[in-house]
């Protein structure tokens, strides 16, 4: 309510000052324009902060994922399963096939 009153008084002041100078004959439109400009400016600042936070979070997540990938690669390189699969590829494929058949037969509904 106080804002509406202050806007009306601003409009009256603008009317009085513009009547003297002849600058504008739309005091309420001018106030609305000023109010909207300031609202858009505040919204732009808020959006810029949100974008910056989002970019920082994305960068941190990317760094975290890269770190985890490097750890998993190191574990895989030192893994006994990898060593066995490299030394015995046919046996590893046979074991994988047999494991797949076993899981399929256990999960199959009768």
C-alpha atoms as a PDB file:
ATOM      1  CA  UNK A   1       0.000   0.000   0.000  1.00  0.00           C
ATOM      2  CA  UNK A   2       2.843   2.351   0.845  1.00  0.00           C
ATOM      3  CA  UNK A   3       4.454   1.528  -2.493  1.00  0.00           C
ATOM      4  CA  UNK A   4       1.319   2.512  -4.395  1.00  0.00           C
ATOM      5  CA  UNK A   5       1.131   5.767  -2.467  1.00  0.00           C
ATOM      6  CA  UNK A   6       4.799   6.527  -3.098  1.00  0.00           C
ATOM      7  CA  UNK A   7       4.352   5.701  -6.790  1.00  0.00           C
ATOM      8  CA  UNK A   8       1.377   8.074  -7.004  1.00  0.00           C
ATOM      9  CA  UNK A   9       3.340  10.826  -5.297  1.00  0.00           C
ATOM     10  CA  UNK A  10       6.256  10.175  -7.663  1.00  0.00           C
ATOM     11  CA  UNK A  11       3.842  10.403 -10.575  1.00  0.00           C
ATOM     12  CA  UNK A  12       2.492  13.711  -9.300  1.00  0.00           C
ATOM     13  CA  UNK A  13       6.030  15.035  -8.855  1.00  0.00           C
ATOM     14  CA  UNK A  14       6.931  13.933 -12.373  1.00  0.00           C
ATOM     15  CA  UNK A  15       3.755  15.519 -13.710  1.00  0.00           C
ATOM     16  CA  UNK A  16       4.605  18.783 -12.011  1.00  0.00           C
ATOM     17  CA  UNK A  17       8.239  18.710 -13.132  1.00  0.00           C
ATOM     18  CA  UNK A  18       7.455  17.587 -16.668  1.00  0.00           C
ATOM     19  CA  UNK A  19       4.696  20.142 -17.010  1.00  0.00           C
ATOM     20  CA  UNK A  20       7.282  22.773 -16.228  1.00  0.00           C
ATOM     21  CA  UNK A  21       9.889  21.336 -18.607  1.00  0.00           C
ATOM     22  CA  UNK A  22       7.556  19.754 -21.155  1.00  0.00           C
ATOM     23  CA  UNK A  23       9.573  16.492 -21.169  1.00  0.00           C
ATOM     24  CA  UNK A  24       6.862  13.808 -20.765  1.00  0.00           C
ATOM     25  CA  UNK A  25       3.107  13.625 -20.570  1.00  0.00           C
ATOM     26  CA  UNK A  26       2.983   9.998 -19.338  1.00  0.00           C
ATOM     27  CA  UNK A  27       4.059  10.025 -15.691  1.00  0.00           C
ATOM     28  CA  UNK A  28       2.487   6.671 -14.737  1.00  0.00           C
ATOM     29  CA  UNK A  29       3.988   4.962 -17.753  1.00  0.00           C
ATOM     30  CA  UNK A  30       7.379   6.421 -16.883  1.00  0.00           C
ATOM     31  CA  UNK A  31       7.127   5.096 -13.309  1.00  0.00           C
ATOM     32  CA  UNK A  32       6.053   1.679 -14.562  1.00  0.00           C
ATOM     33  CA  UNK A  33       8.964   1.707 -16.987  1.00  0.00           C
ATOM     34  CA  UNK A  34      11.446   2.605 -14.231  1.00  0.00           C
ATOM     35  CA  UNK A  35      10.018  -0.071 -11.938  1.00  0.00           C
ATOM     36  CA  UNK A  36      10.167  -2.707 -14.655  1.00  0.00           C
ATOM     37  CA  UNK A  37      13.734  -1.781 -15.584  1.00  0.00           C
ATOM     38  CA  UNK A  38      14.864  -2.173 -11.986  1.00  0.00           C
ATOM     39  CA  UNK A  39      12.995  -5.498 -11.716  1.00  0.00           C
ATOM     40  CA  UNK A  40      14.655  -6.804 -14.854  1.00  0.00           C
ATOM     41  CA  UNK A  41      18.055  -5.670 -13.576  1.00  0.00           C
ATOM     42  CA  UNK A  42      17.516  -7.529 -10.271  1.00  0.00           C
ATOM     43  CA  UNK A  43      16.332 -10.610 -12.154  1.00  0.00           C
ATOM     44  CA  UNK A  44      19.419 -10.482 -14.390  1.00  0.00           C
ATOM     45  CA  UNK A  45      21.714 -10.291 -11.353  1.00  0.00           C
ATOM     46  CA  UNK A  46      19.951 -13.247  -9.720  1.00  0.00           C
ATOM     47  CA  UNK A  47      20.120 -15.270 -12.946  1.00  0.00           C
ATOM     48  CA  UNK A  48      23.821 -14.480 -13.305  1.00  0.00           C
ATOM     49  CA  UNK A  49      24.507 -15.732  -9.770  1.00  0.00           C
ATOM     50  CA  UNK A  50      22.493 -18.894 -10.428  1.00  0.00           C
ATOM     51  CA  UNK A  51      24.367 -19.511 -13.680  1.00  0.00           C
ATOM     52  CA  UNK A  52      27.709 -19.041 -11.943  1.00  0.00           C
ATOM     53  CA  UNK A  53      26.727 -21.475  -9.175  1.00  0.00           C
ATOM     54  CA  UNK A  54      25.549 -24.015 -11.742  1.00  0.00           C
ATOM     55  CA  UNK A  55      28.773 -23.734 -13.733  1.00  0.00           C
ATOM     56  CA  UNK A  56      30.890 -24.121 -10.576  1.00  0.00           C
ATOM     57  CA  UNK A  57      28.893 -27.173  -9.504  1.00  0.00           C
ATOM     58  CA  UNK A  58      29.226 -28.716 -12.963  1.00  0.00           C
ATOM     59  CA  UNK A  59      32.978 -28.099 -12.987  1.00  0.00           C
ATOM     60  CA  UNK A  60      33.342 -29.651  -9.529  1.00  0.00           C
ATOM     61  CA  UNK A  61      31.289 -32.668 -10.623  1.00  0.00           C
ATOM     62  CA  UNK A  62      33.406 -33.099 -13.744  1.00  0.00           C
ATOM     63  CA  UNK A  63      36.588 -33.012 -11.668  1.00  0.00           C
ATOM     64  CA  UNK A  64      35.110 -35.526  -9.227  1.00  0.00           C
ATOM     65  CA  UNK A  65      34.068 -37.885 -12.030  1.00  0.00           C
ATOM     66  CA  UNK A  66      37.501 -37.621 -13.669  1.00  0.00           C
ATOM     67  CA  UNK A  67      39.124 -38.475 -10.342  1.00  0.00           C
ATOM     68  CA  UNK A  68      36.856 -41.491  -9.866  1.00  0.00           C
ATOM     69  CA  UNK A  69      37.514 -42.664 -13.428  1.00  0.00           C
ATOM     70  CA  UNK A  70      41.258 -42.474 -12.833  1.00  0.00           C
ATOM     71  CA  UNK A  71      40.869 -44.516  -9.627  1.00  0.00           C
ATOM     72  CA  UNK A  72      38.763 -47.147 -11.393  1.00  0.00           C
ATOM     73  CA  UNK A  73      41.251 -47.362 -14.270  1.00  0.00           C
ATOM     74  CA  UNK A  74      44.077 -47.886 -11.787  1.00  0.00           C
ATOM     75  CA  UNK A  75      42.107 -50.626 -10.011  1.00  0.00           C
ATOM     76  CA  UNK A  76      41.290 -52.312 -13.338  1.00  0.00           C
ATOM     77  CA  UNK A  77      44.907 -52.238 -14.476  1.00  0.00           C
ATOM     78  CA  UNK A  78      45.953 -53.939 -11.209  1.00  0.00           C
ATOM     79  CA  UNK A  79      43.035 -56.395 -11.276  1.00  0.00           C
ATOM     80  CA  UNK A  80      43.602 -60.147 -11.355  1.00  0.00           C
ATOM     81  CA  UNK A  81      40.521 -60.554 -13.557  1.00  0.00           C
ATOM     82  CA  UNK A  82      42.065 -58.314 -16.224  1.00  0.00           C
ATOM     83  CA  UNK A  83      45.347 -60.205 -16.025  1.00  0.00           C
ATOM     84  CA  UNK A  84      43.552 -63.572 -16.429  1.00  0.00           C
ATOM     85  CA  UNK A  85      41.396 -62.258 -19.313  1.00  0.00           C
ATOM     86  CA  UNK A  86      44.467 -60.956 -21.151  1.00  0.00           C
ATOM     87  CA  UNK A  87      46.404 -64.208 -20.643  1.00  0.00           C
ATOM     88  CA  UNK A  88      43.446 -66.539 -21.416  1.00  0.00           C
ATOM     89  CA  UNK A  89      40.935 -64.739 -23.641  1.00  0.00           C
ATOM     90  CA  UNK A  90      39.119 -67.880 -24.850  1.00  0.00           C
ATOM     91  CA  UNK A  91      38.711 -69.243 -21.322  1.00  0.00           C
ATOM     92  CA  UNK A  92      37.485 -65.832 -20.110  1.00  0.00           C
ATOM     93  CA  UNK A  93      34.893 -65.726 -22.901  1.00  0.00           C
ATOM     94  CA  UNK A  94      33.774 -69.280 -22.046  1.00  0.00           C
ATOM     95  CA  UNK A  95      33.423 -68.413 -18.360  1.00  0.00           C
ATOM     96  CA  UNK A  96      31.410 -65.292 -19.213  1.00  0.00           C
ATOM     97  CA  UNK A  97      29.137 -67.314 -21.515  1.00  0.00           C
ATOM     98  CA  UNK A  98      28.587 -70.003 -18.889  1.00  0.00           C
ATOM     99  CA  UNK A  99      27.850 -67.390 -16.204  1.00  0.00           C
ATOM    100  CA  UNK A 100      25.319 -65.726 -18.527  1.00  0.00           C
ATOM    101  CA  UNK A 101      23.588 -69.032 -19.205  1.00  0.00           C
ATOM    102  CA  UNK A 102      23.453 -69.832 -15.486  1.00  0.00           C
ATOM    103  CA  UNK A 103      21.953 -66.438 -14.601  1.00  0.00           C
ATOM    104  CA  UNK A 104      19.435 -66.732 -17.446  1.00  0.00           C
ATOM    105  CA  UNK A 105      18.301 -70.177 -16.342  1.00  0.00           C
ATOM    106  CA  UNK A 106      17.914 -69.004 -12.734  1.00  0.00           C
ATOM    107  CA  UNK A 107      15.899 -65.939 -13.722  1.00  0.00           C
ATOM    108  CA  UNK A 108      13.711 -67.676 -16.277  1.00  0.00           C
ATOM    109  CA  UNK A 109      10.153 -68.134 -15.082  1.00  0.00           C
ATOM    110  CA  UNK A 110       8.658 -71.572 -15.441  1.00  0.00           C
END
